[in-house]
Protein backbone atom coordinates (compact mmCIF):
# COMPACT_ATOMS: atom_id res chain seq x y z
CA MET A 1 6.47 30.96 0.85
CA THR A 2 5.22 30.03 4.34
CA LYS A 3 8.09 29.24 6.68
CA ILE A 4 8.43 27.37 9.94
CA GLU A 5 8.78 30.21 12.45
CA ARG A 6 9.20 28.39 15.76
CA ILE A 7 8.37 25.17 17.58
CA GLU A 8 6.98 25.14 21.13
CA THR A 9 6.54 22.18 23.50
CA GLN A 10 4.92 21.61 26.88
CA ILE A 11 4.25 18.54 29.02
CA ILE A 12 0.64 17.75 29.95
CA ASP A 13 -0.03 15.30 32.80
CA LEU A 14 -3.44 13.57 32.56
CA PRO A 15 -4.75 11.21 35.25
CA THR A 16 -6.32 7.90 34.12
CA ILE A 17 -9.81 6.70 35.05
CA ARG A 18 -8.26 3.62 36.75
CA GLY A 19 -4.96 1.90 37.19
CA HIS A 20 -3.81 0.59 33.79
CA VAL A 21 -1.92 -2.60 34.66
CA LEU A 22 0.84 -3.61 32.25
CA SER A 23 3.46 -6.36 32.60
CA MET A 24 6.17 -3.80 33.39
CA THR A 25 4.26 -1.06 35.30
CA THR A 26 0.88 0.23 36.43
CA MET A 27 -0.09 3.55 34.93
CA VAL A 28 -2.19 6.04 36.91
CA SER A 29 -1.45 9.00 34.63
CA GLN A 30 -0.12 9.78 31.15
CA SER A 31 2.43 12.46 30.32
CA ILE A 32 1.90 14.05 26.92
CA VAL A 33 4.25 16.29 25.02
CA LEU A 34 2.13 18.84 23.18
CA VAL A 35 3.83 20.40 20.14
CA ARG A 36 2.82 23.63 18.45
CA VAL A 37 4.56 24.60 15.22
CA ARG A 38 4.00 28.26 14.41
CA PHE A 39 4.27 29.36 10.80
CA SER A 40 5.11 32.71 9.26
CA ASP A 41 1.60 33.20 7.89
CA GLY A 42 0.14 32.99 11.41
CA SER A 43 -1.14 29.43 11.14
CA VAL A 44 -0.37 26.79 13.78
CA GLY A 45 0.04 23.03 13.56
CA LEU A 46 -0.53 20.69 16.51
CA GLY A 47 1.40 17.52 17.36
CA GLU A 48 1.67 15.10 20.25
CA GLY A 49 4.20 12.63 21.61
CA THR A 50 3.63 10.06 24.36
CA SER A 51 5.34 6.96 25.73
CA ILE A 52 3.64 4.16 27.69
CA GLY A 53 4.71 4.22 31.29
CA GLY A 54 7.77 6.35 30.61
CA LEU A 55 11.09 4.52 30.39
CA SER A 56 9.57 1.24 31.63
CA TYR A 57 8.24 0.65 28.08
CA GLY A 58 10.91 2.02 25.79
CA ALA A 59 13.83 4.38 25.32
CA GLU A 60 11.80 7.62 25.27
CA SER A 61 10.00 9.49 28.06
CA ALA A 62 8.00 12.70 28.04
CA GLU A 63 11.05 14.52 29.34
CA SER A 64 13.37 13.10 26.67
CA ILE A 65 10.84 13.78 23.90
CA LYS A 66 10.56 17.43 24.95
CA SER A 67 14.33 17.79 25.27
CA ALA A 68 15.01 16.18 21.85
CA ILE A 69 12.55 18.55 20.17
CA ASP A 70 13.65 21.72 21.97
CA THR A 71 17.38 21.10 21.74
CA TYR A 72 17.90 19.25 18.46
CA ILE A 73 14.84 19.23 16.18
CA ALA A 74 13.41 22.72 16.52
CA PRO A 75 16.65 24.58 15.60
CA LEU A 76 16.97 22.41 12.47
CA LEU A 77 13.58 23.38 11.11
CA GLU A 78 13.21 27.07 11.86
CA GLY A 79 13.14 29.04 8.64
CA MET A 80 12.43 26.01 6.40
CA ASP A 81 9.63 25.87 3.84
CA ALA A 82 6.58 24.79 5.87
CA ASP A 83 4.95 23.03 2.93
CA ASN A 84 7.92 20.77 2.15
CA ILE A 85 7.44 18.10 4.80
CA ASN A 86 9.69 15.61 3.01
CA ALA A 87 12.59 18.03 3.20
CA ALA A 88 11.93 18.67 6.89
CA ARG A 89 11.69 14.94 7.62
CA GLY A 90 14.93 14.27 5.76
CA ARG A 91 16.79 16.95 7.71
CA ILE A 92 15.53 15.55 11.02
CA GLU A 93 16.36 11.94 10.19
CA LYS A 94 19.91 12.82 9.16
CA ALA A 95 20.58 14.78 12.32
CA VAL A 96 18.62 12.85 14.97
CA ARG A 97 19.12 9.12 15.44
CA GLY A 98 16.41 7.12 17.14
CA ASN A 99 13.86 9.23 19.05
CA PRO A 100 10.97 8.17 16.78
CA ILE A 101 8.31 9.56 19.11
CA ALA A 102 9.91 13.01 19.19
CA ARG A 103 10.27 12.98 15.41
CA CYS A 104 6.66 11.87 15.00
CA ALA A 105 5.29 14.58 17.30
CA VAL A 106 6.85 17.30 15.17
CA GLU A 107 5.85 15.66 11.88
CA ILE A 108 2.21 15.46 13.03
CA ALA A 109 2.23 19.22 13.59
CA LEU A 110 3.69 19.83 10.11
CA TRP A 111 0.99 17.71 8.47
CA ASP A 112 -1.68 19.44 10.52
CA GLY A 113 -0.39 22.85 9.51
CA LEU A 114 -0.22 21.91 5.83
CA GLY A 115 -3.74 20.49 5.86
CA ARG A 116 -5.10 23.59 7.53
CA ARG A 117 -3.42 25.92 5.02
CA LEU A 118 -4.75 23.87 2.09
CA GLY A 119 -8.22 23.46 3.67
CA VAL A 120 -8.11 19.64 3.47
CA PRO A 121 -7.87 16.86 6.05
CA VAL A 122 -4.51 15.13 6.53
CA ALA A 123 -6.06 11.94 5.13
CA GLN A 124 -6.40 13.71 1.77
CA LEU A 125 -2.65 14.29 1.76
CA PHE A 126 -2.21 10.47 1.95
CA GLY A 127 -4.59 9.74 -0.89
CA GLY A 128 -8.03 10.14 0.68
CA THR A 129 -10.33 8.49 3.18
CA VAL A 130 -11.49 4.91 2.57
CA HIS A 131 -13.11 4.29 5.97
CA PRO A 132 -14.51 7.27 7.90
CA ALA A 133 -14.94 5.01 10.97
CA MET A 134 -13.03 1.98 12.23
CA ASP A 135 -13.58 -0.70 14.86
CA VAL A 136 -11.82 0.21 18.08
CA ALA A 137 -10.74 -2.21 20.82
CA TRP A 138 -10.79 -1.49 24.55
CA THR A 139 -7.99 -2.68 26.83
CA LEU A 140 -9.07 -4.55 29.95
CA ALA A 141 -6.17 -3.92 32.30
CA SER A 142 -7.44 -3.73 35.87
CA GLY A 143 -5.85 -7.11 36.63
CA ASN A 144 -9.06 -8.35 38.29
CA SER A 145 -11.18 -10.86 36.33
CA ASP A 146 -14.56 -9.85 37.79
CA ARG A 147 -13.86 -6.18 37.30
CA ASP A 148 -12.68 -6.77 33.72
CA VAL A 149 -15.83 -8.81 32.89
CA ALA A 150 -18.05 -6.07 34.32
CA GLU A 151 -16.18 -3.45 32.30
CA ALA A 152 -16.50 -5.50 29.10
CA GLU A 153 -20.24 -6.01 29.67
CA GLU A 154 -20.68 -2.27 30.09
CA MET A 155 -18.80 -1.55 26.85
CA LEU A 156 -20.88 -4.08 24.95
CA ALA A 157 -24.13 -2.68 26.35
CA ARG A 158 -23.10 0.85 25.38
CA ARG A 159 -22.06 -0.38 21.89
CA ARG A 160 -18.69 1.23 22.39
CA HIS A 161 -16.37 -1.80 21.94
CA ARG A 162 -16.72 -5.39 20.68
CA GLN A 163 -13.02 -6.25 20.78
CA PHE A 164 -11.10 -6.48 24.04
CA LYS A 165 -7.35 -6.69 24.58
CA LEU A 166 -6.19 -8.08 27.90
CA LYS A 167 -2.87 -6.97 29.36
CA ILE A 168 -1.09 -10.00 30.88
CA GLY A 169 2.46 -11.10 31.74
CA LYS A 170 2.75 -9.78 35.29
CA ARG A 171 1.67 -13.07 36.90
CA GLU A 172 2.60 -16.71 36.38
CA VAL A 173 1.59 -18.04 32.98
CA ARG A 174 -1.00 -20.46 34.40
CA GLU A 175 -2.57 -17.66 36.46
CA ASP A 176 -2.73 -15.40 33.42
CA ILE A 177 -4.36 -18.09 31.29
CA ALA A 178 -6.93 -18.75 34.02
CA HIS A 179 -7.64 -14.99 34.24
CA VAL A 180 -8.12 -14.73 30.48
CA GLY A 181 -10.18 -17.93 30.44
CA ARG A 182 -12.69 -16.54 32.94
CA ILE A 183 -13.19 -13.47 30.75
CA CYS A 184 -13.48 -15.50 27.55
CA ALA A 185 -16.09 -17.77 29.19
CA ALA A 186 -18.12 -14.78 30.33
CA ILE A 187 -18.03 -12.88 27.03
CA GLY A 188 -18.37 -15.90 24.70
CA ASP A 189 -18.68 -15.08 21.02
CA ARG A 190 -20.04 -11.57 21.59
CA ALA A 191 -16.59 -10.02 21.19
CA ARG A 192 -13.11 -10.80 19.93
CA ILE A 193 -10.53 -11.35 22.67
CA THR A 194 -6.80 -10.70 22.24
CA VAL A 195 -3.96 -10.43 24.72
CA ASP A 196 -0.80 -8.33 24.98
CA VAL A 197 2.19 -9.70 26.91
CA ASN A 198 4.50 -6.71 26.32
CA GLN A 199 7.58 -9.00 25.96
CA ALA A 200 7.15 -10.45 29.47
CA TRP A 201 7.57 -14.16 28.60
CA ASP A 202 10.69 -16.14 27.78
CA LEU A 203 10.45 -18.71 24.99
CA HIS A 204 9.52 -21.59 27.29
CA GLN A 205 6.73 -19.59 28.91
CA ALA A 206 5.52 -18.42 25.51
CA ARG A 207 5.13 -22.01 24.27
CA TRP A 208 2.91 -22.89 27.19
CA GLY A 209 1.17 -19.53 27.06
CA LEU A 210 0.23 -19.67 23.36
CA LYS A 211 -0.96 -23.27 23.68
CA GLY A 212 -3.22 -22.36 26.62
CA LEU A 213 -4.53 -19.16 25.05
CA GLN A 214 -5.27 -20.95 21.78
CA GLU A 215 -7.28 -23.61 23.66
CA ILE A 216 -9.53 -21.09 25.37
CA GLY A 217 -10.31 -19.24 22.15
CA VAL A 218 -8.11 -16.14 22.21
CA ALA A 219 -7.79 -14.71 18.69
CA MET A 220 -4.33 -13.16 18.89
CA VAL A 221 -1.34 -12.64 21.17
CA GLU A 222 0.76 -9.50 20.92
CA GLN A 223 4.53 -9.43 21.37
CA PRO A 224 4.81 -12.44 23.74
CA ILE A 225 8.63 -12.40 23.84
CA ASP A 226 11.55 -9.97 23.71
CA ALA A 227 11.37 -7.78 20.61
CA ARG A 228 14.95 -8.78 19.69
CA MET A 229 14.04 -12.49 19.40
CA GLY A 230 12.84 -12.35 15.80
CA GLU A 231 13.55 -15.98 14.91
CA SER A 232 11.86 -17.20 18.09
CA LEU A 233 8.83 -15.10 17.19
CA ARG A 234 8.78 -16.78 13.78
CA MET A 235 8.90 -20.21 15.41
CA LEU A 236 5.90 -19.34 17.62
CA SER A 237 3.97 -18.02 14.61
CA ASP A 238 4.68 -21.21 12.66
CA THR A 239 3.79 -23.55 15.55
CA TYR A 240 0.38 -22.27 16.65
CA GLU A 241 -2.86 -21.37 14.91
CA ILE A 242 -3.40 -18.41 17.18
CA ALA A 243 -2.25 -15.21 15.46
CA VAL A 244 1.03 -13.71 16.73
CA MET A 245 1.51 -9.95 16.38
CA ALA A 246 4.68 -7.88 16.45
CA ASP A 247 4.58 -4.55 18.33
CA GLU A 248 7.69 -3.41 20.20
CA ALA A 249 9.71 -5.21 17.51
CA LEU A 250 8.53 -2.67 14.91
CA GLN A 251 10.47 0.57 14.98
CA GLY A 252 9.79 1.63 11.42
CA PRO A 253 9.96 0.26 7.88
CA VAL A 254 13.36 -1.41 8.18
CA ASP A 255 12.08 -3.61 11.03
CA ALA A 256 8.87 -4.17 9.12
CA MET A 257 10.78 -5.42 6.08
CA ARG A 258 12.94 -7.70 8.24
CA HIS A 259 9.87 -9.29 9.84
CA ALA A 260 8.02 -9.61 6.54
CA ALA A 261 10.96 -11.18 4.73
CA GLY A 262 11.54 -13.65 7.57
CA HIS A 263 7.86 -14.59 7.86
CA ARG A 264 8.18 -13.85 11.58
CA THR A 265 4.66 -12.72 12.44
CA ASP A 266 1.02 -12.84 11.39
CA ALA A 267 0.17 -9.21 12.13
CA PHE A 268 1.73 -5.79 12.63
CA ALA A 269 0.70 -3.36 15.37
CA VAL A 270 1.31 -0.15 13.47
CA LYS A 271 1.98 2.85 15.69
CA ILE A 272 2.69 6.20 14.10
CA ALA A 273 4.93 7.24 17.03
CA GLN A 274 6.90 4.01 17.14
CA SER A 275 7.34 4.18 13.35
CA GLY A 276 8.77 7.68 13.48
CA GLY A 277 5.85 9.57 11.94
CA LEU A 278 2.93 9.29 9.55
CA ALA A 279 5.08 8.91 6.44
CA ARG A 280 7.16 6.05 7.86
CA ALA A 281 4.06 4.38 9.35
CA SER A 282 2.53 4.50 5.87
CA GLU A 283 5.56 2.61 4.61
CA VAL A 284 5.17 -0.01 7.35
CA ILE A 285 1.53 -0.44 6.26
CA SER A 286 2.55 -0.89 2.63
CA ILE A 287 5.13 -3.55 3.54
CA ALA A 288 2.55 -5.47 5.57
CA ALA A 289 -0.06 -5.26 2.82
CA ALA A 290 2.41 -6.49 0.19
CA ALA A 291 3.46 -9.41 2.41
CA GLY A 292 -0.07 -10.46 3.35
CA ILE A 293 0.45 -9.52 7.02
CA GLY A 294 -2.60 -8.43 9.00
CA LEU A 295 -2.81 -4.82 10.18
CA TYR A 296 -3.80 -3.43 13.57
CA GLY A 297 -3.91 0.27 14.36
CA GLY A 298 -1.89 0.55 17.56
CA THR A 299 -1.67 3.26 20.17
CA MET A 300 0.93 4.70 22.53
CA LEU A 301 -2.03 5.83 24.69
CA GLU A 302 -2.11 9.20 22.98
CA ALA A 303 -4.68 11.83 23.85
CA GLY A 304 -6.80 13.58 21.22
CA ILE A 305 -4.12 15.06 18.98
CA GLY A 306 -2.07 11.87 18.52
CA THR A 307 -5.19 9.74 18.19
CA ALA A 308 -6.64 12.04 15.53
CA ALA A 309 -3.36 11.88 13.61
CA ALA A 310 -3.40 8.05 13.62
CA LEU A 311 -7.03 8.10 12.55
CA GLN A 312 -6.22 10.34 9.59
CA LEU A 313 -3.64 7.83 8.35
CA PHE A 314 -5.50 4.59 9.15
CA SER A 315 -8.66 5.90 7.45
CA THR A 316 -6.77 5.71 4.13
CA VAL A 317 -5.97 1.99 4.49
CA GLU A 318 -8.14 -0.42 2.53
CA THR A 319 -8.03 -3.34 5.00
CA MET A 320 -7.37 -3.14 8.73
CA PHE A 321 -8.31 -6.77 9.54
CA TRP A 322 -7.62 -6.48 13.25
CA GLY A 323 -9.17 -3.05 13.64
CA THR A 324 -7.62 -0.41 15.88
CA GLU A 325 -7.05 0.28 19.56
CA LEU A 326 -7.28 4.07 19.36
CA PHE A 327 -9.04 4.36 22.70
CA GLY A 328 -6.42 6.61 24.38
CA PRO A 329 -8.67 9.64 25.05
CA LEU A 330 -11.22 7.39 26.80
CA LEU A 331 -8.62 6.26 29.35
CA PHE A 332 -8.18 9.73 30.81
CA LYS A 333 -10.29 11.42 33.46
CA ASP A 334 -10.51 14.57 31.37
CA GLU A 335 -10.64 15.66 27.75
CA ILE A 336 -8.20 18.20 26.28
CA LEU A 337 -9.97 18.67 22.93
CA ALA A 338 -12.56 21.39 22.45
CA GLU A 339 -14.77 18.74 20.79
CA PRO A 340 -13.97 15.13 21.75
CA LEU A 341 -13.51 12.41 19.14
CA ARG A 342 -16.67 10.41 18.60
CA TYR A 343 -16.88 6.79 19.75
CA ALA A 344 -20.13 5.09 18.78
CA ASP A 345 -21.45 1.82 17.30
CA PHE A 346 -18.23 0.01 18.26
CA GLN A 347 -16.18 2.41 16.15
CA VAL A 348 -14.06 5.52 16.42
CA HIS A 349 -15.05 8.16 13.85
CA LEU A 350 -12.77 10.38 11.82
CA PRO A 351 -13.19 14.05 12.79
CA ALA A 352 -14.27 16.50 10.08
CA GLY A 353 -12.34 19.60 9.12
CA PRO A 354 -8.95 20.57 7.72
CA GLY A 355 -5.68 19.22 9.09
CA LEU A 356 -6.25 16.79 11.96
CA GLY A 357 -9.81 18.08 12.32
CA VAL A 358 -9.45 18.87 16.02
CA ALA A 359 -8.81 21.87 18.29
CA LEU A 360 -7.57 22.17 21.87
CA ASP A 361 -9.49 23.23 24.94
CA GLU A 362 -6.98 25.81 26.07
CA ASP A 363 -8.37 26.02 29.64
CA LYS A 364 -7.81 22.28 30.06
CA ILE A 365 -4.32 22.55 28.62
CA ALA A 366 -3.49 25.32 31.09
CA HIS A 367 -4.88 23.27 33.97
CA TYR A 368 -2.89 20.10 33.23
CA THR A 369 0.38 21.67 32.06
CA ARG A 370 3.28 20.53 34.21
CA GLY A 371 4.78 23.39 36.25
CA ARG A 372 1.84 25.73 35.71
CA VAL A 373 2.07 28.90 37.76
CA ALA A 374 -1.45 28.77 39.20
CA PRO A 375 -4.13 26.06 39.00
CA VAL A 376 -7.16 26.78 36.83
CA SER A 377 -10.53 25.78 38.27
CA ILE A 378 -12.47 23.81 35.69
CA PRO A 379 -15.06 21.02 35.73
CA VAL A 380 -13.87 17.46 35.04
CA LYS A 381 -15.80 15.34 32.54
CA ALA A 382 -18.16 12.66 33.83
CA ILE A 383 -16.71 9.13 33.73
């Protein structure tokens, strides 16, 4: 029997290609918790945990994710049967409340290790691949209309993205609608436009905002109000034709069931980290599918490991009406995978190979590890 021998974590700090402007912060770097689970047969599984903008987005940060794994999760799992992921998950969930990103990071590594030992991709462990490639959105978040239009035109010309999500909520509602309107007018029907407010509006602002966004042709608005205002979200969904999507309001299958039963939303942004792992995210997907709720493959701006893990799960889903936004690796100035994920023909493609299908560039990992002893001189990828 292969056992879990030890779990190691390190924080990787990756700079972004530009400021990523959100309603609550502007990101210029992303901190990633890299997890390695070492098994008694010598195999290794890789996992990743990230938050968006640290504590400005949610209750977990890179530092808290690392601490939760090192202090609470790792000691629970050492010596357990490496192939029994359900048992490992159950032990973690009983002993560690909350901390879904930390739990997910470890679970990813367990699935990766199991897939590698069996010689099959993680998708096979969830029933098999339906779609080897999926549409992928790009987030326009410079905050400048002209710059965002130019960026969208470049992505369309390169056939990299044909869906764009605009981050808004930092300015007055009228200013945000005008900003989005300029981009919609420039792009026309060549791409689908959605917006993400990241809970920045109150109910009054959301009424005006959804009305204005609907009039200028925006397809969907993501989490316009506080995640705790479920009934208000339902009212907005019922009032306007524009699709309303829940994101921060979804912290796993219990939240998903509550939103589905209350007819609160038109779509779910499914994030493996926010759900607490691949298994729980799969349950969120099943609830949405049974309730007729649209699916969107969300991101916590993960790098290659976390993005590959989400791809493995989402590739098994029959219908992802709203596509995905698994663009995280493209937002960073450098690549930490030995072979980058492939983005082409407006889609992100599932990597081949057992487990997650990816491997690390260890020189890059050494270079970007927080607190490294000596810098490693390496070339940075072209942007």
